[in-house]
Protein backbone atom coordinates (compact mmCIF):
# COMPACT_ATOMS: atom_id res chain seq x y z
CA MET A 1 81.39 -71.39 147.33
CA THR A 2 80.11 -68.30 146.40
CA HIS A 3 81.96 -68.35 142.76
CA ALA A 4 80.30 -71.73 142.59
CA LEU A 5 76.91 -70.44 143.43
CA MET A 6 77.69 -67.22 141.29
CA GLY A 7 78.24 -69.69 138.24
CA ALA A 8 75.01 -71.63 138.81
CA ALA A 9 73.21 -68.49 138.64
CA LEU A 10 74.92 -67.16 135.92
CA GLY A 11 74.14 -70.59 134.05
CA LEU A 12 70.27 -70.63 134.82
CA ALA A 13 70.70 -66.82 133.35
CA PHE A 14 72.30 -67.73 130.26
CA GLY A 15 69.98 -70.50 129.86
CA LEU A 16 66.84 -68.78 129.81
CA ALA A 17 68.19 -65.84 127.93
CA LEU A 18 69.18 -68.66 125.42
CA ILE A 19 65.71 -70.33 125.43
CA LEU A 20 63.93 -66.77 124.86
CA SER A 21 66.01 -65.37 122.27
CA ASN A 22 66.49 -68.26 120.18
CA ALA A 23 63.34 -69.94 118.77
CA ALA A 24 65.13 -73.13 117.58
CA VAL A 25 66.47 -73.92 121.14
CA GLY A 26 63.19 -73.54 122.39
CA ASN A 27 61.32 -75.52 119.89
CA LEU A 28 63.86 -78.33 120.45
CA LEU A 29 63.48 -78.48 124.14
CA SER A 30 59.65 -78.45 123.79
CA HIS A 31 59.45 -81.53 121.03
CA GLY A 32 62.19 -83.26 123.71
CA GLY A 33 60.14 -83.50 126.69
CA ARG A 34 61.16 -82.61 130.26
CA SER A 35 64.28 -84.53 130.21
CA ALA A 36 65.56 -82.75 127.54
CA ALA A 37 64.78 -79.57 129.23
CA VAL A 38 66.51 -80.74 132.68
CA VAL A 39 69.65 -82.12 130.88
CA PHE A 40 69.84 -78.81 129.04
CA VAL A 41 69.85 -76.85 132.42
CA VAL A 42 72.09 -79.16 134.43
CA THR A 43 74.54 -79.19 131.89
CA LEU A 44 74.65 -75.29 131.86
CA VAL A 45 74.24 -75.07 135.19
CA THR A 46 77.31 -77.51 135.74
CA THR A 47 79.50 -76.12 133.22
CA PHE A 48 79.01 -72.46 134.66
CA ALA A 49 79.67 -73.45 138.15
CA ILE A 50 82.59 -75.22 137.47
CA GLY A 51 84.30 -72.57 135.44
CA ALA A 52 83.33 -70.09 138.02
CA THR A 53 84.81 -72.07 140.72
CA LEU A 54 88.19 -72.83 138.95
CA THR A 55 88.34 -68.74 138.33
CA GLY A 56 87.77 -68.28 141.82
CA ILE A 57 90.45 -70.78 142.74
CA VAL A 58 93.21 -69.15 140.33
CA PHE A 59 92.17 -65.78 141.76
CA MET A 60 92.43 -66.61 145.54
CA ILE A 61 96.12 -68.36 144.69
CA ALA A 62 96.94 -65.15 142.52
CA GLU A 63 96.02 -63.01 145.58
CA ASP A 64 98.14 -65.23 148.11
CA ASN A 65 100.99 -64.93 146.31
CA GLU A 66 101.46 -61.40 145.92
CA PHE A 67 102.46 -60.90 149.36
């Protein structure tokens, strides 16, 4: 659970950094309306959360196999 939350937080931070550093992304989101911004954020958060969760599972399995 903590890995998923960590991934979600990283996804939000990455999305904010991407919007602030790349003017084209911010421009596309401003012209796309509220739904475009929601889809952008949800996609990033979900992708990062799933990746962090799977990585956490792999780490826990590898840690269990060491003994």
